[in-house]
Amino acid sequence: MFKKILIANRGEIALRIIRTCREMGISSVAVYSTVDKESLHVKFADEAVCIGPASSNDSYLKMSNIIAAAEITNADAIHPGYGFLAENARFSKICEEHGIKFIGASAEMINKMGDKASAIKTMKEAGVPTIPGSEGIIASFSETEKIAEKIGYPVMLKATAGGGGKGMRAVWKPEDLQKAWDSARAEAKAAFGNDDMYLEKLIEEPHHIEIQIIGDSTGNACHLSERDCSIQRRHQKLTEETPSPFITNALRKKMGEAAIKASEYIKYEGVGTVEFLVDKNKNFYFMEMNTRIQVEHPITEQVIGNFDLIREQIKIAVGIPIIGINYFPSQHSIECRINAEDPFNDFRPSPGVITTFHAPGGHGVRIDTHVYDSYIIPPYYDSMIAKLIVTAQTREEAISKMKRALSEFIIEGVKTTIPFHMQLMDNPEYVAGNYTTKFMEDFEMKPEE
C-alpha cells in the first residue's frame, strides 16, 4: 500500500480524497495556490505545499511544480481528482517517468479514450453501439458537408479534444453548417489548442446516462449501474440521480453489459464512466468515456452500500483485484450541485465571502464541501462550493428529503443555486421523471418571493 499520496487538486474533491487516505492509514499531501491557503483541504492534510499563484495555469495545472511538491515530500503516488490534470496523458506519463504512481488511467489509455474520435472508433471495434457519424477526425469542410448529407440533419459538430460543451455546435440545416464549423473550430482552438472536429447525428430528446465502471490490472471489469445526468445547462450538469427514472431494468442490464464490454476490450484499469446518449425509443449510443472519478460519484456510493470509490481507486492503483460483482441500486439517491451562481441572473458567477454557512443534516443526507463561515470563494476556479446528496428508499421519498434538506441549507454573502434546486424539486415534469438534456431550455425561474 502507498505510504503517502499527494492530491493534485483543490476544494471538496481534495478533501474527499484526504479523508479516505486517513481512513486507510495513508499520509496525505495537499497542494494549494496562494488564494487557497485557508481552504479546508490544506488544513486537513498531513502536509501542504504551495505550488503557485491564483491562476490555475501557474498552480494546479503547473506539472513541474506538482512533481516537485511530490518529490520534496517523498509522496509515492499522486491522485488527480477530477478536472485539472485528471485526464492529462502527459502528466500521467511524467508521473511514471519520475517513479510516482498516477492514481488514474495510463497515458496510453487517456490518449485512446480522451480523444473522442479515437474513442468512438475503438468502441465500434468493440461492438458497442455508437452514434452514426464521421470515421474519426474530419479532414476538411467539404468532407463535413458530404457526411452531414449522408447521415441526415440535424447533426452535431464536436471538438475531438472537447469538454464542458466547448467546441460543440448543433446544426439543423445545410446553410448553417459553415458558420457552425468555423465557430466550433475557433472555440476549440482557444480552449484546448486543438481544432480537430468530428461529426455525429444529433440525437433528439436525448437522455445523458453514464455507467460507473471499475477495471483492474487483470483485465476484469464490473459496473455499478447508471446515473442520469440529463439536467444540464450549456452541457454543465446541475443535478444527477440514480437509478434513472427513464431506464428500465432490461435496458439497465443491457447498458451495463455494453459498458463492461467497452472496458474489458481496452483493458481499462481504474475507476471511470462509459457515457451514453439514450433516445426517446430507448436506443443507446456510446458518447465518450471519462477516465477519472466523476463529480457525481457520491450518489453511486450511497445506493450500493456506502461503497467508497476513492478507496477502490487507490486499491486498484496498488494492484489489488476487484471483486467483479455488478451492482444495481437498492435505493434512490439525488445530488444537487450547489454553485456560487445567481440563478435569477442567468447563473452569473458570484464569488465573495461566505458570511453564514449552515449545512443541513439528518437521516440520508450527505454534504461534500470545503467551505465554511468566512470562507472566501475565489473567482479563479469552478463555482461549485458543495454537493448535497440525499438517499431514500424511493424516488418520491428522495425528492421530499432533498426539498427538506435544501430548505435547511443556509449560505449567505454570495448568491447560490439553492433556489434553483428548490424550484426544480417542485417542477411537475421533473417530479414525474419526464426530462431530457433539453429540459433547461424551457425552464424559467420563478421570481423570488
Protein backbone atom coordinates (compact mmCIF):
# COMPACT_ATOMS: atom_id res chain seq x y z
CA MET A 1 0.00 0.00 0.00
CA PHE A 2 1.11 3.58 -0.62
CA LYS A 3 2.72 5.41 2.27
CA LYS A 4 1.96 8.94 1.09
CA ILE A 5 -0.39 10.34 -1.58
CA LEU A 6 -0.22 13.86 -2.96
CA ILE A 7 -3.61 15.23 -4.05
CA ALA A 8 -3.17 17.34 -7.18
CA ASN A 9 -6.44 19.20 -6.79
CA ARG A 10 -8.39 21.57 -4.57
CA GLY A 11 -11.81 22.05 -2.98
CA GLU A 12 -14.25 19.35 -1.99
CA ILE A 13 -12.66 16.55 -4.05
CA ALA A 14 -9.25 17.14 -2.45
CA LEU A 15 -10.84 16.98 1.00
CA ARG A 16 -12.79 13.87 -0.04
CA ILE A 17 -9.57 12.07 -1.03
CA ILE A 18 -7.71 13.20 2.11
CA ARG A 19 -10.43 11.69 4.31
CA THR A 20 -10.21 8.30 2.61
CA CYS A 21 -6.41 8.37 2.84
CA ARG A 22 -6.65 8.98 6.58
CA GLU A 23 -9.09 6.07 6.99
CA MET A 24 -6.65 3.83 5.09
CA GLY A 25 -3.67 4.93 7.19
CA ILE A 26 -2.04 6.75 4.26
CA SER A 27 -0.36 10.15 4.77
CA SER A 28 -1.69 12.93 2.54
CA VAL A 29 -0.09 15.96 0.93
CA ALA A 30 -2.22 18.92 -0.16
CA VAL A 31 -1.08 21.37 -2.80
CA TYR A 32 -2.56 24.84 -2.98
CA SER A 33 -2.39 28.17 -4.76
CA THR A 34 -1.83 31.34 -2.79
CA VAL A 35 -5.56 32.15 -2.69
CA ASP A 36 -6.39 28.67 -1.37
CA LYS A 37 -4.15 28.94 1.68
CA GLU A 38 -7.17 28.89 4.05
CA SER A 39 -9.05 26.09 2.28
CA LEU A 40 -10.00 23.05 4.35
CA HIS A 41 -8.03 20.60 2.21
CA VAL A 42 -4.88 22.49 3.24
CA LYS A 43 -5.82 22.35 6.91
CA PHE A 44 -6.86 18.67 6.95
CA ALA A 45 -3.91 17.17 5.04
CA ASP A 46 -0.85 15.87 6.87
CA GLU A 47 1.38 18.18 4.80
CA ALA A 48 0.73 21.08 2.43
CA VAL A 49 2.83 22.70 -0.28
CA CYS A 50 2.13 25.99 -2.06
CA ILE A 51 2.55 25.45 -5.81
CA GLY A 52 1.96 28.91 -7.21
CA PRO A 53 -0.26 31.98 -7.56
CA ALA A 54 -4.02 32.10 -8.09
CA SER A 55 -4.10 31.32 -11.81
CA SER A 56 -4.61 27.58 -12.35
CA ASN A 57 -2.10 27.68 -15.22
CA ASP A 58 0.54 28.74 -12.71
CA SER A 59 -0.52 26.36 -9.93
CA TYR A 60 -2.93 23.41 -10.29
CA LEU A 61 -2.01 22.93 -13.96
CA LYS A 62 1.72 23.52 -13.45
CA MET A 63 3.04 19.98 -13.77
CA SER A 64 6.63 20.79 -12.81
CA ASN A 65 5.51 22.39 -9.55
CA ILE A 66 3.29 19.45 -8.64
CA ILE A 67 6.01 16.89 -9.39
CA ALA A 68 8.47 18.95 -7.34
CA ALA A 69 6.00 19.01 -4.43
CA ALA A 70 5.66 15.22 -4.65
CA GLU A 71 9.42 14.75 -4.66
CA ILE A 72 10.22 17.05 -1.73
CA THR A 73 7.51 15.37 0.39
CA ASN A 74 8.50 11.84 -0.75
CA ALA A 75 4.99 11.06 -1.99
CA ASP A 76 4.86 7.71 -3.78
CA ALA A 77 1.55 8.41 -5.56
CA ILE A 78 -0.50 11.30 -6.94
CA HIS A 79 -4.30 11.38 -7.01
CA PRO A 80 -5.54 13.98 -9.54
CA GLY A 81 -9.23 14.04 -8.51
CA TYR A 82 -11.34 15.37 -11.40
CA GLY A 83 -10.68 18.31 -13.70
CA PHE A 84 -7.27 20.00 -13.91
CA LEU A 85 -4.77 17.19 -14.76
CA ALA A 86 -7.01 14.18 -14.13
CA GLU A 87 -7.18 13.22 -17.81
CA ASN A 88 -3.87 14.67 -18.97
CA ALA A 89 -1.84 11.95 -20.69
CA ARG A 90 1.40 13.93 -20.47
CA PHE A 91 1.05 14.31 -16.71
CA SER A 92 0.29 10.60 -16.29
CA LYS A 93 3.45 9.82 -18.29
CA ILE A 94 5.59 12.30 -16.32
CA CYS A 95 4.47 10.68 -13.05
CA GLU A 96 5.50 7.30 -14.42
CA GLU A 97 8.90 8.65 -15.51
CA HIS A 98 9.50 10.02 -12.01
CA GLY A 99 8.56 6.74 -10.32
CA ILE A 100 5.37 8.18 -8.86
CA LYS A 101 2.16 6.19 -9.29
CA PHE A 102 -0.59 8.16 -11.04
CA ILE A 103 -3.89 7.06 -9.46
CA GLY A 104 -5.80 7.13 -12.69
CA ALA A 105 -5.52 5.94 -16.27
CA SER A 106 -2.23 5.38 -18.07
CA ALA A 107 -1.08 7.86 -20.70
CA GLU A 108 -1.90 5.31 -23.40
CA MET A 109 -5.43 4.83 -22.07
CA ILE A 110 -6.07 8.57 -21.73
CA ASN A 111 -4.89 9.14 -25.30
CA LYS A 112 -7.03 6.29 -26.58
CA MET A 113 -10.22 7.36 -24.80
CA GLY A 114 -9.61 11.09 -24.23
CA ASP A 115 -9.62 11.79 -27.95
CA LYS A 116 -13.32 11.41 -28.73
CA ALA A 117 -12.86 10.46 -32.39
CA SER A 118 -10.38 7.73 -31.42
CA ALA A 119 -12.69 6.55 -28.62
CA ILE A 120 -15.65 6.18 -30.97
CA LYS A 121 -13.52 4.20 -33.44
CA THR A 122 -12.37 1.91 -30.62
CA MET A 123 -15.92 1.37 -29.38
CA LYS A 124 -17.10 0.43 -32.85
CA GLU A 125 -14.37 -2.21 -32.93
CA ALA A 126 -15.54 -3.44 -29.51
CA GLY A 127 -19.11 -3.85 -30.77
CA VAL A 128 -20.56 -1.09 -28.59
CA PRO A 129 -23.39 0.93 -30.23
CA THR A 130 -22.15 4.31 -31.48
CA ILE A 131 -23.88 7.34 -32.96
CA PRO A 132 -23.77 7.46 -36.79
CA GLY A 133 -21.18 9.98 -37.96
CA SER A 134 -17.68 10.56 -39.27
CA GLU A 135 -14.98 7.90 -39.11
CA GLY A 136 -12.60 9.83 -36.90
CA ILE A 137 -11.36 13.38 -37.42
CA ILE A 138 -12.79 15.30 -40.38
CA ALA A 139 -10.12 16.46 -42.83
CA SER A 140 -11.99 19.39 -44.40
CA PHE A 141 -15.24 21.32 -44.52
CA SER A 142 -16.18 19.71 -47.84
CA GLU A 143 -15.91 16.29 -46.19
CA THR A 144 -18.14 17.58 -43.38
CA GLU A 145 -20.79 18.57 -45.91
CA LYS A 146 -20.74 15.12 -47.51
CA ILE A 147 -21.03 13.27 -44.18
CA ALA A 148 -23.84 15.54 -42.97
CA GLU A 149 -25.77 14.95 -46.18
CA LYS A 150 -25.25 11.18 -45.88
CA ILE A 151 -26.41 10.77 -42.24
CA GLY A 152 -29.06 13.49 -42.50
CA TYR A 153 -29.80 16.62 -40.49
CA PRO A 154 -29.82 17.57 -37.66
CA VAL A 155 -26.14 16.91 -36.93
CA MET A 156 -23.73 17.77 -34.12
CA LEU A 157 -20.21 19.10 -34.67
CA LYS A 158 -17.86 18.21 -31.81
CA ALA A 159 -14.27 19.07 -30.97
CA THR A 160 -12.30 15.85 -30.56
CA ALA A 161 -10.45 17.37 -27.57
CA GLY A 162 -13.64 18.95 -26.21
CA GLY A 163 -15.22 19.06 -22.79
CA GLY A 164 -17.73 21.14 -20.86
CA GLY A 165 -19.69 21.85 -24.03
CA LYS A 166 -16.90 23.80 -25.72
CA GLY A 167 -16.39 23.24 -29.43
CA MET A 168 -19.88 21.78 -29.89
CA ARG A 169 -22.49 23.05 -32.35
CA ALA A 170 -25.89 21.66 -33.30
CA VAL A 171 -26.73 22.21 -36.97
CA TRP A 172 -30.32 21.84 -38.17
CA LYS A 173 -29.99 22.73 -41.85
CA PRO A 174 -27.22 22.75 -44.52
CA GLU A 175 -26.97 26.54 -44.85
CA ASP A 176 -25.91 26.82 -41.18
CA LEU A 177 -23.08 24.29 -41.40
CA GLN A 178 -20.26 26.62 -42.50
CA LYS A 179 -20.86 29.11 -39.68
CA ALA A 180 -21.05 26.31 -37.11
CA TRP A 181 -17.85 24.72 -38.48
CA ASP A 182 -15.92 27.99 -38.21
CA SER A 183 -17.15 28.96 -34.74
CA ALA A 184 -16.75 25.47 -33.23
CA ARG A 185 -13.17 25.19 -34.51
CA ALA A 186 -12.27 28.66 -33.25
CA GLU A 187 -13.71 27.91 -29.80
CA ALA A 188 -11.95 24.53 -29.63
CA LYS A 189 -8.63 26.07 -30.66
CA ALA A 190 -8.90 28.73 -27.95
CA ALA A 191 -9.99 26.29 -25.23
CA PHE A 192 -7.87 23.22 -26.00
CA GLY A 193 -5.21 24.28 -28.50
CA ASN A 194 -6.71 21.71 -30.88
CA ASP A 195 -9.38 22.44 -33.50
CA ASP A 196 -9.84 18.91 -34.86
CA MET A 197 -13.52 18.12 -35.32
CA TYR A 198 -15.79 15.13 -35.85
CA LEU A 199 -19.47 14.92 -36.79
CA GLU A 200 -22.37 12.91 -35.37
CA LYS A 201 -26.07 12.52 -35.97
CA LEU A 202 -27.89 14.72 -33.46
CA ILE A 203 -29.94 12.54 -31.12
CA GLU A 204 -33.26 14.28 -30.44
CA GLU A 205 -34.86 14.24 -26.98
CA PRO A 206 -31.74 12.57 -25.53
CA HIS A 207 -31.05 11.33 -22.05
CA HIS A 208 -27.47 11.51 -20.77
CA ILE A 209 -26.86 8.23 -18.96
CA GLU A 210 -23.46 7.21 -17.62
CA ILE A 211 -22.44 3.77 -16.35
CA GLN A 212 -19.94 3.66 -13.48
CA ILE A 213 -17.27 1.05 -14.19
CA ILE A 214 -14.24 -0.35 -12.37
CA GLY A 215 -11.43 -2.28 -14.06
CA ASP A 216 -8.33 -3.88 -12.58
CA SER A 217 -4.85 -4.87 -13.76
CA THR A 218 -6.02 -8.40 -14.60
CA GLY A 219 -8.33 -7.08 -17.32
CA ASN A 220 -11.54 -7.73 -15.39
CA ALA A 221 -14.26 -5.08 -15.11
CA CYS A 222 -17.58 -4.65 -13.36
CA HIS A 223 -20.22 -1.93 -13.35
CA LEU A 224 -22.05 -0.12 -10.57
CA SER A 225 -25.14 0.70 -12.63
CA GLU A 226 -26.16 4.07 -14.06
CA ARG A 227 -26.53 7.74 -13.20
CA ASP A 228 -28.93 10.05 -15.04
CA CYS A 229 -27.15 13.34 -15.77
CA SER A 230 -29.73 14.84 -18.13
CA ILE A 231 -30.46 18.02 -16.14
CA GLN A 232 -27.82 20.23 -17.72
CA ARG A 233 -27.31 23.84 -18.63
CA ARG A 234 -24.93 24.57 -21.50
CA HIS A 235 -23.65 20.99 -21.18
CA GLN A 236 -22.82 21.53 -17.48
CA LYS A 237 -24.57 19.12 -15.12
CA LEU A 238 -26.75 20.64 -12.41
CA THR A 239 -28.18 17.59 -10.68
CA GLU A 240 -27.89 13.82 -11.04
CA GLU A 241 -29.76 10.79 -9.78
CA THR A 242 -29.60 7.02 -9.61
CA PRO A 243 -31.37 4.97 -10.70
CA SER A 244 -32.65 6.86 -13.72
CA PRO A 245 -36.45 7.24 -13.82
CA PHE A 246 -36.24 6.67 -17.59
CA ILE A 247 -34.27 3.42 -17.69
CA THR A 248 -36.00 0.03 -17.45
CA ASN A 249 -34.42 -2.98 -15.76
CA ALA A 250 -33.89 -4.68 -19.12
CA LEU A 251 -32.19 -1.59 -20.58
CA ARG A 252 -30.15 -1.15 -17.38
CA LYS A 253 -28.78 -4.68 -17.76
CA LYS A 254 -28.07 -4.21 -21.46
CA MET A 255 -26.24 -0.89 -20.97
CA GLY A 256 -24.24 -2.32 -18.08
CA GLU A 257 -23.11 -5.22 -20.25
CA ALA A 258 -22.11 -2.79 -23.04
CA ALA A 259 -20.07 -0.72 -20.58
CA ILE A 260 -18.24 -3.83 -19.36
CA LYS A 261 -17.61 -4.88 -22.95
CA ALA A 262 -16.10 -1.46 -23.63
CA SER A 263 -13.92 -1.56 -20.50
CA GLU A 264 -12.63 -5.08 -20.99
CA TYR A 265 -11.94 -4.52 -24.70
CA ILE A 266 -9.49 -1.72 -23.90
CA LYS A 267 -8.29 -3.47 -20.67
CA TYR A 268 -9.26 -0.42 -18.65
CA GLU A 269 -7.60 -0.14 -15.25
CA GLY A 270 -9.16 2.16 -12.66
CA VAL A 271 -12.46 3.89 -11.98
CA GLY A 272 -14.27 5.56 -14.86
CA THR A 273 -17.56 6.07 -16.64
CA VAL A 274 -18.86 4.99 -20.00
CA GLU A 275 -21.22 7.72 -21.19
CA PHE A 276 -24.24 7.07 -23.39
CA LEU A 277 -26.95 9.09 -25.10
CA VAL A 278 -30.31 7.33 -24.99
CA ASP A 279 -33.02 8.41 -27.42
CA LYS A 280 -36.76 8.57 -26.80
CA ASN A 281 -37.14 4.99 -28.10
CA LYS A 282 -34.56 3.76 -25.57
CA ASN A 283 -31.86 3.12 -28.16
CA PHE A 284 -28.48 3.89 -26.61
CA TYR A 285 -25.26 5.08 -28.21
CA PHE A 286 -21.72 5.45 -26.86
CA MET A 287 -20.81 9.12 -26.39
CA GLU A 288 -17.47 9.18 -24.55
CA MET A 289 -15.51 7.65 -21.71
CA ASN A 290 -14.24 9.56 -18.69
CA THR A 291 -11.04 8.03 -17.34
CA ARG A 292 -11.34 9.54 -13.85
CA ILE A 293 -13.58 9.86 -10.82
CA GLN A 294 -16.72 11.86 -11.56
CA VAL A 295 -18.14 14.82 -9.60
CA GLU A 296 -21.36 12.88 -9.10
CA HIS A 297 -19.78 9.64 -7.81
CA PRO A 298 -21.33 10.00 -4.29
CA ILE A 299 -24.83 9.01 -5.41
CA THR A 300 -23.49 5.68 -6.67
CA GLU A 301 -21.66 5.14 -3.39
CA GLN A 302 -24.86 5.79 -1.45
CA VAL A 303 -27.09 3.30 -3.28
CA ILE A 304 -24.72 0.33 -3.29
CA GLY A 305 -23.96 0.08 0.41
CA ASN A 306 -21.66 3.04 1.04
CA PHE A 307 -19.08 1.74 -1.43
CA ASP A 308 -16.01 4.05 -1.32
CA LEU A 309 -14.93 4.67 -4.92
CA ILE A 310 -11.84 6.63 -3.87
CA ARG A 311 -10.71 3.66 -1.76
CA GLU A 312 -11.27 1.40 -4.79
CA GLN A 313 -9.17 3.72 -6.97
CA ILE A 314 -6.30 3.51 -4.52
CA LYS A 315 -6.56 -0.29 -4.18
CA ILE A 316 -6.61 -0.77 -7.96
CA ALA A 317 -3.56 1.51 -8.34
CA VAL A 318 -1.67 -0.75 -5.90
CA GLY A 319 -2.69 -3.81 -7.91
CA ILE A 320 -5.45 -5.31 -5.76
CA PRO A 321 -8.02 -7.09 -7.97
CA ILE A 322 -11.66 -6.00 -7.90
CA ILE A 323 -14.41 -8.29 -6.57
CA GLY A 324 -16.03 -8.24 -10.00
CA ILE A 325 -19.69 -8.09 -8.99
CA ASN A 326 -22.11 -5.93 -10.99
CA TYR A 327 -24.22 -3.84 -8.65
CA PHE A 328 -27.70 -2.43 -9.17
CA PRO A 329 -29.22 0.30 -6.99
CA SER A 330 -31.18 -0.86 -3.96
CA GLN A 331 -32.22 2.70 -3.03
CA HIS A 332 -32.60 6.08 -4.72
CA SER A 333 -30.10 8.94 -4.49
CA ILE A 334 -30.11 12.50 -5.86
CA GLU A 335 -27.25 15.00 -5.94
CA CYS A 336 -27.66 18.77 -6.29
CA ARG A 337 -24.58 20.78 -7.16
CA ILE A 338 -24.57 23.93 -5.08
CA ASN A 339 -22.71 26.56 -7.08
CA ALA A 340 -21.80 30.15 -6.25
CA GLU A 341 -24.01 31.43 -9.06
CA ASP A 342 -27.11 33.59 -9.32
CA PRO A 343 -29.93 31.52 -10.87
CA PHE A 344 -32.09 34.66 -11.14
CA ASN A 345 -29.43 36.35 -13.27
CA ASP A 346 -28.55 33.77 -15.94
CA PHE A 347 -26.46 31.79 -13.41
CA ARG A 348 -23.82 34.50 -13.26
CA PRO A 349 -20.84 33.53 -11.01
CA SER A 350 -20.97 35.01 -7.51
CA PRO A 351 -17.55 34.89 -5.83
CA GLY A 352 -17.04 36.56 -2.45
CA VAL A 353 -17.08 35.98 1.31
CA ILE A 354 -19.50 33.47 2.84
CA THR A 355 -20.85 35.27 5.89
CA THR A 356 -23.12 32.45 7.07
CA PHE A 357 -22.87 28.74 6.32
CA HIS A 358 -25.27 26.20 7.84
CA ALA A 359 -25.35 22.74 6.28
CA PRO A 360 -28.42 20.52 6.51
CA GLY A 361 -28.29 17.14 8.24
CA GLY A 362 -30.46 14.27 9.32
CA HIS A 363 -31.14 10.79 8.05
CA GLY A 364 -29.99 10.11 4.49
CA VAL A 365 -28.30 13.49 3.96
CA ARG A 366 -24.66 13.85 2.89
CA ILE A 367 -22.72 17.06 2.26
CA ASP A 368 -19.42 17.13 0.36
CA THR A 369 -17.95 20.62 0.72
CA HIS A 370 -14.79 22.55 1.55
CA VAL A 371 -16.38 25.84 2.61
CA TYR A 372 -17.27 27.33 5.99
CA ASP A 373 -18.24 30.61 7.66
CA SER A 374 -15.94 33.44 6.45
CA TYR A 375 -14.53 31.31 3.61
CA ILE A 376 -13.67 33.39 0.54
CA ILE A 377 -14.86 31.91 -2.76
CA PRO A 378 -12.20 32.94 -5.29
CA PRO A 379 -13.16 33.95 -8.84
CA TYR A 380 -10.43 31.85 -10.45
CA TYR A 381 -11.89 28.35 -10.36
CA ASP A 382 -15.05 26.30 -10.84
CA SER A 383 -18.02 27.82 -8.99
CA MET A 384 -19.16 24.62 -7.24
CA ILE A 385 -18.98 25.02 -3.46
CA ALA A 386 -20.90 21.97 -2.23
CA LYS A 387 -22.65 18.78 -3.25
CA LEU A 388 -25.88 17.95 -1.44
CA ILE A 389 -26.68 14.24 -1.65
CA VAL A 390 -29.80 12.58 -0.30
CA THR A 391 -30.68 8.89 -0.24
CA ALA A 392 -34.03 7.22 0.39
CA GLN A 393 -35.96 4.04 -0.34
CA THR A 394 -37.85 5.52 -3.33
CA ARG A 395 -37.51 8.43 -5.75
CA GLU A 396 -40.56 10.11 -4.25
CA GLU A 397 -39.02 9.94 -0.78
CA ALA A 398 -35.66 11.18 -2.13
CA ILE A 399 -37.28 14.26 -3.69
CA SER A 400 -39.10 15.03 -0.43
CA LYS A 401 -35.87 14.60 1.52
CA MET A 402 -34.00 16.87 -0.92
CA LYS A 403 -36.64 19.59 -0.55
CA ARG A 404 -36.33 19.38 3.22
CA ALA A 405 -32.52 19.47 3.10
CA LEU A 406 -32.45 22.41 0.67
CA SER A 407 -34.78 24.36 2.96
CA GLU A 408 -32.25 23.91 5.79
CA PHE A 409 -29.22 24.85 3.69
CA ILE A 410 -28.28 28.44 4.55
CA ILE A 411 -25.48 30.21 2.68
CA GLU A 412 -25.25 34.00 2.95
CA GLY A 413 -22.82 36.51 1.49
CA VAL A 414 -22.91 35.08 -2.03
CA LYS A 415 -25.64 34.01 -4.43
CA THR A 416 -26.09 30.24 -4.82
CA THR A 417 -28.09 27.77 -6.89
CA ILE A 418 -30.11 26.59 -3.88
CA PRO A 419 -33.25 28.50 -5.07
CA PHE A 420 -32.97 26.83 -8.48
CA HIS A 421 -32.83 23.36 -6.95
CA MET A 422 -35.79 24.12 -4.70
CA GLN A 423 -37.86 25.12 -7.73
CA LEU A 424 -36.62 22.09 -9.68
CA MET A 425 -37.80 19.72 -6.94
CA ASP A 426 -41.29 21.26 -7.27
CA ASN A 427 -41.36 21.11 -11.06
CA PRO A 428 -44.13 18.70 -12.18
CA GLU A 429 -42.14 17.36 -15.14
CA TYR A 430 -39.07 16.70 -13.03
CA VAL A 431 -41.14 15.07 -10.29
CA ALA A 432 -42.74 12.83 -12.92
CA GLY A 433 -39.28 11.92 -14.29
CA ASN A 434 -40.13 13.47 -17.66
CA TYR A 435 -36.91 15.24 -18.54
CA THR A 436 -34.16 15.12 -21.17
CA THR A 437 -30.97 17.11 -21.77
CA LYS A 438 -33.23 19.80 -23.28
CA PHE A 439 -35.12 20.32 -20.00
CA MET A 440 -33.33 23.56 -19.06
CA GLU A 441 -34.16 25.20 -22.39
CA ASP A 442 -37.76 25.59 -21.25
CA PHE A 443 -37.14 26.01 -17.52
CA GLU A 444 -37.79 29.50 -16.16
CA MET A 445 -37.01 30.62 -12.66
CA LYS A 446 -39.99 31.99 -10.77
CA PRO A 447 -39.32 35.41 -9.15
CA GLU A 448 -38.01 35.43 -5.59
CA GLU A 449 -40.76 35.82 -3.03
